[in-house]
Amino acid sequence: MVDDCRNRIKTAVAHWGEHVNGGGDRVGWELSRVFEDAPFYVGWQDESIEPDDIEAEQLIDGRMNEWALRRGGVARMLAHMLGWQVAEPLRDHDILVTSGNEPLFYVPPTEQVWVAYVHHTNRRQSDQIDEVGDGRLTPIKLLFYYLIRVAFDHNTHKPDLFLANSEQVKRRMVRYWGIPAEKIDVVYPPVDTHEYSHEDAETGDYYLTLSRLDWHKSVEDIVRAFDGLDAKLVVAGDGPEREKLERMAGENVEFAGYVSESEKKRLLAGAKAFVFNGQDEDFGISPVEALAAGTPLIGVEEGMTQYQIVNGKNGYTFTRDTSGEPIREAVERFQTDGVAWDDAAIAEFANRFSVDAFHERVHEAVDRATENADVTPEWYEEVGAESP
């Protein structure tokens, strides 16, 4: 009966924009697969990174908006703010499922059911407030941060239900956006856990870190930790920090650059352990992929990373310190004590973040939002009328 009802309801999925083939994009694409018969819209489309099974339609057009979207920064923010408010193609649907913060500018029809998936809150609204410094530009930065908070305060009341990608993000949404906790469900991002296996490679003699080489991933601290350590580190991924990291790395650090999916699977399965140091990570897909490959995780004790590790069983946590010493100590402890769980148990732990679990939780959330949004008067059916 539920499936029949879903088939009669017109659903649309909208993602803020295809930009880097990152975790947020993958969630948007998977939402499209959850509702495979629904049209899929994006604020900005990049066909070069779009999967073969995805057909997207760009929502924001016009020469000025195209320029702003390409330019990025504040210009891109303004283009999204203007482009999403009406978003005419979205309005002719009973249910709308969105991905990202930018679609929150959308103003929906009264009876449209809206479920909004949030990957993160804007860091300028929360934990970056203490990074404004005390220079001449501090008052301007504080004013800008305030305006962002005001803008989002007006945007966070329209969806019927929010989906947060982790408990950490839900906490921020309650605190900084003022959304009632009961209006937020946690739905972890979909990870293709079944695509990874400890059998993809025999365990080798190296530790692995894999991410975009950007400042907020703090790979510099990992490289520093392995300086003088009797262990090999493989750094996979590319980004603006790579040259600096290569200059500071010792002979026991190897840079693999961007790797294909097949090579990534081999590296993950063959690593002694995966080392992750992302700053206050909202979720973190790479660590889960490592666990799915049966590989222990050595990660920073903050953000969602701390909850992906059960100390002594599937890995070890360390406290953040730019000296790299806590990372070095965690690696040495792992080399001495190992972990209690075998490869299969570590992989089984990762299944709670699987694609199947994601599909199930999203369907449950949309069904709940639809039921709660029903405004049919109680007396309507009592007089012999059929619900619309």
Protein backbone atom coordinates (compact mmCIF):
# COMPACT_ATOMS: atom_id res chain seq x y z
CA MET A 1 0.00 0.00 0.00
CA VAL A 2 2.82 2.42 0.87
CA ASP A 3 4.59 1.68 -2.44
CA ASP A 4 1.33 2.29 -4.38
CA CYS A 5 0.89 5.62 -2.63
CA ARG A 6 4.49 6.62 -3.43
CA ASN A 7 3.88 5.89 -7.11
CA ARG A 8 0.92 8.30 -7.22
CA ILE A 9 2.77 11.16 -5.52
CA LYS A 10 4.93 13.48 -7.60
CA THR A 11 8.38 13.80 -6.07
CA ALA A 12 11.36 15.95 -7.06
CA VAL A 13 14.96 15.88 -5.82
CA ALA A 14 17.18 18.98 -5.86
CA HIS A 15 20.89 19.26 -4.98
CA TRP A 16 22.70 22.53 -4.40
CA GLY A 17 25.24 21.93 -7.19
CA GLU A 18 27.72 19.51 -8.72
CA HIS A 19 31.14 20.93 -7.88
CA VAL A 20 33.89 18.58 -6.74
CA ASN A 21 32.57 15.00 -6.86
CA GLY A 22 32.81 15.08 -3.08
CA GLY A 23 30.71 13.61 -0.30
CA GLY A 24 27.91 16.16 -0.70
CA ASP A 25 27.60 15.47 -4.42
CA ARG A 26 27.47 11.73 -3.80
CA VAL A 27 24.63 12.19 -1.33
CA GLY A 28 22.72 14.29 -3.86
CA TRP A 29 23.19 11.66 -6.57
CA GLU A 30 22.17 8.86 -4.22
CA LEU A 31 19.00 10.74 -3.26
CA SER A 32 18.21 10.75 -6.98
CA ARG A 33 18.63 6.97 -6.97
CA VAL A 34 16.38 6.63 -3.91
CA PHE A 35 13.62 8.27 -5.96
CA GLU A 36 14.69 6.92 -9.33
CA ASP A 37 11.54 8.06 -11.17
CA ALA A 38 11.74 11.62 -9.82
CA PRO A 39 13.32 14.48 -11.78
CA PHE A 40 16.70 15.60 -10.43
CA TYR A 41 17.61 19.29 -10.37
CA VAL A 42 20.89 20.97 -9.45
CA GLY A 43 21.69 24.61 -8.84
CA TRP A 44 24.85 24.22 -10.88
CA GLN A 45 25.53 21.31 -13.22
CA ASP A 46 28.92 19.84 -14.09
CA GLU A 47 28.43 16.98 -16.54
CA SER A 48 32.14 16.10 -16.36
CA ILE A 49 31.69 14.68 -12.83
CA GLU A 50 28.10 13.51 -13.16
CA PRO A 51 27.72 9.69 -12.98
CA ASP A 52 26.47 7.92 -16.10
CA ASP A 53 23.18 6.89 -14.45
CA ILE A 54 22.32 10.44 -13.34
CA GLU A 55 20.43 12.94 -15.49
CA ALA A 56 20.34 16.39 -13.92
CA GLU A 57 18.73 19.63 -14.97
CA GLN A 58 20.33 22.94 -13.99
CA LEU A 59 18.02 25.32 -12.12
CA ILE A 60 20.02 28.54 -12.01
CA ASP A 61 20.57 30.10 -15.42
CA GLY A 62 21.21 33.48 -17.02
CA ARG A 63 24.54 35.01 -18.04
CA MET A 64 25.07 36.92 -14.79
CA ASN A 65 24.24 33.90 -12.64
CA GLU A 66 26.47 31.66 -14.76
CA TRP A 67 29.34 34.08 -14.21
CA ALA A 68 28.66 34.22 -10.47
CA LEU A 69 28.48 30.44 -10.12
CA ARG A 70 31.81 30.05 -11.90
CA ARG A 71 33.47 32.82 -9.90
CA GLY A 72 32.60 31.32 -6.51
CA GLY A 73 32.75 32.98 -3.10
CA VAL A 74 30.21 35.68 -2.25
CA ALA A 75 29.17 35.97 -5.92
CA ARG A 76 28.18 32.30 -5.99
CA MET A 77 26.35 32.68 -2.68
CA LEU A 78 24.26 35.55 -4.09
CA ALA A 79 23.49 33.59 -7.27
CA HIS A 80 22.14 30.72 -5.18
CA MET A 81 20.16 33.09 -2.97
CA LEU A 82 18.43 34.60 -6.02
CA GLY A 83 18.15 31.41 -8.06
CA TRP A 84 16.58 29.11 -5.47
CA GLN A 85 13.82 31.35 -4.09
CA VAL A 86 11.28 30.66 -6.85
CA ALA A 87 12.87 27.64 -8.62
CA GLU A 88 9.75 27.22 -10.77
CA PRO A 89 10.39 23.56 -11.85
CA LEU A 90 10.24 22.45 -8.20
CA ARG A 91 6.83 23.90 -7.50
CA ASP A 92 4.73 21.39 -9.42
CA HIS A 93 5.54 18.47 -7.08
CA ASP A 94 3.86 17.06 -4.00
CA ILE A 95 7.14 16.16 -2.28
CA LEU A 96 10.52 17.86 -2.53
CA VAL A 97 13.75 16.38 -1.20
CA THR A 98 16.72 18.76 -1.21
CA SER A 99 20.44 18.36 -0.57
CA GLY A 100 22.66 21.14 0.78
CA ASN A 101 22.16 24.55 2.39
CA GLU A 102 21.56 26.66 -0.72
CA PRO A 103 18.13 25.14 -1.50
CA LEU A 104 16.96 26.49 1.88
CA PHE A 105 16.44 29.84 0.10
CA TYR A 106 13.52 28.18 -1.74
CA VAL A 107 10.01 29.36 -0.81
CA PRO A 108 7.67 26.35 -1.24
CA PRO A 109 3.94 26.22 -1.98
CA THR A 110 1.87 25.79 1.19
CA GLU A 111 0.96 22.13 0.78
CA GLN A 112 4.24 20.86 -0.67
CA VAL A 113 6.03 18.42 1.65
CA TRP A 114 9.71 19.35 1.96
CA VAL A 115 12.48 17.17 3.41
CA ALA A 116 15.88 18.92 3.53
CA TYR A 117 19.16 16.99 3.84
CA VAL A 118 21.87 19.10 5.51
CA HIS A 119 25.55 18.17 5.12
CA HIS A 120 26.88 20.86 7.45
CA THR A 121 26.05 24.20 9.00
CA ASN A 122 27.98 27.20 7.76
CA ARG A 123 31.12 27.28 9.89
CA ARG A 124 30.97 31.10 10.05
CA GLN A 125 27.82 30.65 12.10
CA SER A 126 29.50 28.47 14.67
CA ASP A 127 33.00 27.21 15.31
CA GLN A 128 34.87 29.66 13.04
CA ILE A 129 33.68 32.64 15.08
CA ASP A 130 36.87 32.47 17.14
CA GLU A 131 39.05 32.70 14.02
CA VAL A 132 38.23 36.31 13.11
CA GLY A 133 41.39 37.54 14.85
CA ASP A 134 41.91 41.05 16.17
CA GLY A 135 43.04 42.94 13.07
CA ARG A 136 41.54 45.89 11.22
CA LEU A 137 39.17 43.64 9.26
CA THR A 138 37.74 41.98 12.36
CA PRO A 139 34.63 44.24 12.58
CA ILE A 140 33.89 43.62 8.88
CA LYS A 141 34.27 39.86 9.32
CA LEU A 142 31.99 39.89 12.36
CA LEU A 143 29.38 41.88 10.43
CA PHE A 144 29.59 39.40 7.53
CA TYR A 145 29.25 36.43 9.89
CA TYR A 146 26.25 38.11 11.54
CA LEU A 147 24.55 38.67 8.18
CA ILE A 148 25.02 34.99 7.34
CA ARG A 149 23.38 34.01 10.63
CA VAL A 150 20.47 36.37 9.94
CA ALA A 151 20.02 35.02 6.40
CA PHE A 152 19.93 31.42 7.57
CA ASP A 153 17.64 32.25 10.48
CA HIS A 154 14.99 33.11 7.89
CA ASN A 155 15.74 29.95 5.90
CA THR A 156 15.57 27.25 8.53
CA HIS A 157 11.85 27.17 9.29
CA LYS A 158 10.29 26.18 5.96
CA PRO A 159 11.12 22.45 5.50
CA ASP A 160 8.78 19.95 7.16
CA LEU A 161 11.66 17.75 8.22
CA PHE A 162 15.46 18.03 8.24
CA LEU A 163 17.92 15.20 7.76
CA ALA A 164 21.37 15.71 9.30
CA ASN A 165 24.32 13.64 8.16
CA SER A 166 25.53 13.06 11.73
CA GLU A 167 24.69 13.71 15.36
CA GLN A 168 27.33 16.46 15.36
CA VAL A 169 25.57 18.35 12.59
CA LYS A 170 22.20 17.85 14.27
CA ARG A 171 23.62 19.44 17.43
CA ARG A 172 24.81 22.46 15.43
CA MET A 173 21.44 22.78 13.67
CA VAL A 174 19.67 22.89 17.04
CA ARG A 175 22.11 25.37 18.55
CA TYR A 176 22.91 27.72 15.67
CA TRP A 177 19.79 27.41 13.52
CA GLY A 178 17.27 27.07 16.35
CA ILE A 179 15.57 24.02 14.80
CA PRO A 180 13.72 21.82 17.33
CA ALA A 181 15.54 18.51 17.81
CA GLU A 182 12.35 16.55 17.07
CA LYS A 183 12.28 18.11 13.59
CA ILE A 184 15.68 16.57 12.70
CA ASP A 185 16.45 12.94 11.83
CA VAL A 186 20.03 11.68 11.51
CA VAL A 187 20.60 9.85 8.22
CA TYR A 188 24.24 8.94 7.62
CA PRO A 189 25.63 9.53 4.11
CA PRO A 190 25.59 6.47 1.86
CA VAL A 191 28.88 4.63 1.62
CA ASP A 192 29.29 1.75 -0.85
CA THR A 193 30.48 -0.52 1.95
CA HIS A 194 29.78 -3.64 -0.13
CA GLU A 195 32.27 -2.39 -2.74
CA TYR A 196 35.18 -2.76 -0.30
CA SER A 197 36.71 -5.92 1.10
CA HIS A 198 39.80 -6.93 3.05
CA GLU A 199 40.32 -9.47 0.26
CA ASP A 200 41.08 -6.71 -2.26
CA ALA A 201 44.73 -6.85 -1.16
CA GLU A 202 46.97 -8.49 1.40
CA THR A 203 47.96 -6.27 4.31
CA GLY A 204 51.16 -4.47 3.39
CA ASP A 205 53.84 -2.57 5.29
CA TYR A 206 52.34 0.94 5.07
CA TYR A 207 49.87 3.25 6.76
CA LEU A 208 47.48 5.24 4.58
CA THR A 209 45.77 8.61 4.61
CA LEU A 210 43.48 9.56 1.75
CA SER A 211 41.68 12.87 1.32
CA ARG A 212 41.75 16.14 -0.53
CA LEU A 213 45.04 17.77 0.46
CA ASP A 214 43.49 20.92 1.90
CA TRP A 215 44.19 22.81 5.12
CA HIS A 216 41.12 21.55 7.02
CA LYS A 217 42.17 17.91 6.54
CA SER A 218 45.33 18.62 8.58
CA VAL A 219 47.46 16.10 6.68
CA GLU A 220 50.47 18.21 7.64
CA ASP A 221 50.22 16.92 11.22
CA ILE A 222 50.13 13.31 9.98
CA VAL A 223 53.24 13.82 7.84
CA ARG A 224 54.97 15.46 10.80
CA ALA A 225 54.01 12.52 13.04
CA PHE A 226 55.73 10.04 10.71
CA ASP A 227 58.97 12.02 10.68
CA GLY A 228 61.48 9.69 12.32
CA LEU A 229 58.86 6.98 12.85
CA ASP A 230 59.86 3.48 11.81
CA ALA A 231 56.84 3.12 9.53
CA LYS A 232 55.86 4.00 5.98
CA LEU A 233 53.05 6.44 5.18
CA VAL A 234 51.24 6.63 1.83
CA VAL A 235 49.42 9.92 1.18
CA ALA A 236 46.72 9.54 -1.49
CA GLY A 237 44.84 12.50 -2.90
CA ASP A 238 45.65 15.88 -4.35
CA GLY A 239 45.02 19.51 -3.52
CA PRO A 240 46.55 22.90 -2.75
CA GLU A 241 48.63 21.65 0.19
CA ARG A 242 50.49 18.95 -1.76
CA GLU A 243 53.66 20.88 -2.63
CA LYS A 244 54.11 22.04 0.96
CA LEU A 245 53.57 18.51 2.26
CA GLU A 246 56.10 17.06 -0.19
CA ARG A 247 58.72 19.60 0.91
CA MET A 248 58.36 18.71 4.58
CA ALA A 249 58.00 14.90 4.17
CA GLY A 250 60.74 12.43 5.00
CA GLU A 251 61.84 9.45 2.92
CA ASN A 252 59.28 7.19 4.61
CA VAL A 253 56.37 9.21 3.15
CA GLU A 254 55.11 8.42 -0.36
CA PHE A 255 52.67 10.62 -2.31
CA ALA A 256 50.34 8.65 -4.58
CA GLY A 257 48.36 11.63 -5.90
CA TYR A 258 44.82 11.20 -7.15
CA VAL A 259 44.01 7.48 -7.35
CA SER A 260 41.37 5.56 -9.31
CA GLU A 261 38.60 3.65 -7.53
CA SER A 262 40.33 0.32 -8.13
CA GLU A 263 43.63 1.64 -6.77
CA LYS A 264 41.84 3.19 -3.80
CA LYS A 265 40.30 -0.19 -2.92
CA ARG A 266 43.70 -1.85 -3.14
CA LEU A 267 45.35 0.80 -0.98
CA LEU A 268 42.61 0.70 1.66
CA ALA A 269 42.61 -3.08 1.94
CA GLY A 270 46.42 -3.30 1.99
CA ALA A 271 47.07 -0.66 4.64
CA LYS A 272 48.02 -1.62 8.19
CA ALA A 273 45.73 1.19 9.36
CA PHE A 274 44.07 4.32 7.99
CA VAL A 275 45.10 7.63 9.60
CA PHE A 276 42.60 10.50 9.55
CA ASN A 277 42.94 14.01 10.99
CA GLY A 278 40.11 16.04 9.41
CA GLN A 279 39.12 19.03 11.51
CA ASP A 280 35.82 18.51 13.36
CA GLU A 281 34.61 16.35 10.47
CA ASP A 282 30.85 16.44 9.90
CA PHE A 283 30.90 12.78 8.83
CA GLY A 284 33.94 11.60 6.86
CA ILE A 285 33.42 9.06 4.08
CA SER A 286 37.05 7.93 3.59
CA PRO A 287 37.38 6.59 7.17
CA VAL A 288 34.19 4.54 6.68
CA GLU A 289 35.53 3.18 3.38
CA ALA A 290 38.66 2.09 5.23
CA LEU A 291 36.61 0.32 7.89
CA ALA A 292 34.53 -1.35 5.15
CA ALA A 293 37.81 -2.71 3.76
CA GLY A 294 38.49 -4.28 7.16
CA THR A 295 41.25 -1.74 7.91
CA PRO A 296 41.67 -0.31 11.45
CA LEU A 297 41.19 3.45 11.85
CA ILE A 298 43.50 5.84 13.72
CA GLY A 299 41.60 9.12 13.94
CA VAL A 300 41.32 12.43 15.72
CA GLU A 301 39.07 12.53 18.77
CA GLU A 302 36.61 15.13 17.51
CA GLY A 303 33.71 15.51 15.11
CA MET A 304 32.11 12.35 13.78
CA THR A 305 35.51 10.63 13.54
CA GLN A 306 35.59 9.95 17.28
CA TYR A 307 32.40 7.89 17.01
CA GLN A 308 33.62 5.84 14.05
CA ILE A 309 36.30 4.40 16.33
CA VAL A 310 35.81 1.98 19.22
CA ASN A 311 39.15 2.31 20.98
CA GLY A 312 41.13 -0.89 21.06
CA LYS A 313 38.58 -2.76 18.92
CA ASN A 314 38.70 -1.17 15.45
CA GLY A 315 41.33 1.51 16.04
CA TYR A 316 42.56 4.29 18.29
CA THR A 317 41.82 7.99 18.73
CA PHE A 318 44.25 10.82 19.38
CA THR A 319 43.84 14.43 20.51
CA ARG A 320 44.53 17.29 18.11
CA ASP A 321 48.02 18.75 18.40
CA THR A 322 49.99 20.36 15.58
CA SER A 323 53.20 18.76 16.85
CA GLY A 324 52.06 15.40 15.51
CA GLU A 325 53.09 13.71 18.76
CA PRO A 326 49.60 12.34 19.68
CA ILE A 327 49.34 10.77 16.21
CA ARG A 328 52.76 9.21 16.59
CA GLU A 329 51.80 7.78 20.00
CA ALA A 330 48.55 6.32 18.59
CA VAL A 331 50.44 4.66 15.73
CA GLU A 332 53.01 3.23 18.14
CA ARG A 333 50.24 1.91 20.39
CA PHE A 334 48.60 0.26 17.40
CA GLN A 335 51.90 -1.32 16.37
CA THR A 336 52.37 -2.68 19.89
CA ASP A 337 48.84 -3.75 20.84
CA GLY A 338 46.95 -4.15 17.55
CA VAL A 339 43.13 -4.22 17.73
CA ALA A 340 40.65 -6.75 19.10
CA TRP A 341 38.38 -7.06 16.08
CA ASP A 342 39.36 -9.02 12.99
CA ASP A 343 38.88 -7.74 9.42
CA ALA A 344 35.34 -9.13 9.14
CA ALA A 345 34.17 -7.54 12.39
CA ILE A 346 35.61 -4.17 11.40
CA ALA A 347 33.85 -4.36 8.02
CA GLU A 348 30.56 -5.37 9.69
CA PHE A 349 30.76 -2.27 11.92
CA ALA A 350 30.89 -0.09 8.78
CA ASN A 351 27.62 -1.50 7.41
CA ARG A 352 25.59 0.89 9.57
CA PHE A 353 26.72 3.54 7.05
CA SER A 354 25.76 1.54 3.95
CA VAL A 355 23.79 2.63 0.86
CA ASP A 356 20.97 0.24 1.79
CA ALA A 357 20.66 1.79 5.24
CA PHE A 358 20.58 5.25 3.63
CA HIS A 359 17.73 4.31 1.25
CA GLU A 360 15.68 2.80 4.05
CA ARG A 361 16.12 5.79 6.39
CA VAL A 362 15.31 8.35 3.68
CA HIS A 363 12.07 6.57 2.73
CA GLU A 364 11.08 6.39 6.41
CA ALA A 365 11.76 10.11 6.83
CA VAL A 366 9.74 11.13 3.77
CA ASP A 367 6.81 8.96 4.89
CA ARG A 368 6.89 10.54 8.35
CA ALA A 369 7.10 14.08 6.96
CA THR A 370 4.20 13.41 4.59
CA GLU A 371 2.04 12.09 7.40
CA ASN A 372 2.85 15.01 9.70
CA ALA A 373 2.19 17.57 6.97
CA ASP A 374 -1.34 16.35 6.26
CA VAL A 375 -3.70 19.29 6.94
CA THR A 376 -6.94 17.53 6.04
CA PRO A 377 -9.58 18.60 8.64
CA GLU A 378 -10.63 15.79 10.98
CA TRP A 379 -14.28 16.16 9.97
CA TYR A 380 -13.62 15.94 6.22
CA GLU A 381 -13.88 12.17 5.92
CA GLU A 382 -16.68 12.06 8.47
CA VAL A 383 -18.99 13.80 6.00
CA GLY A 384 -18.28 11.19 3.37
CA ALA A 385 -15.57 13.00 1.43
CA GLU A 386 -12.46 11.26 0.15
CA SER A 387 -9.09 12.67 1.18
CA PRO A 388 -7.51 14.61 -1.71
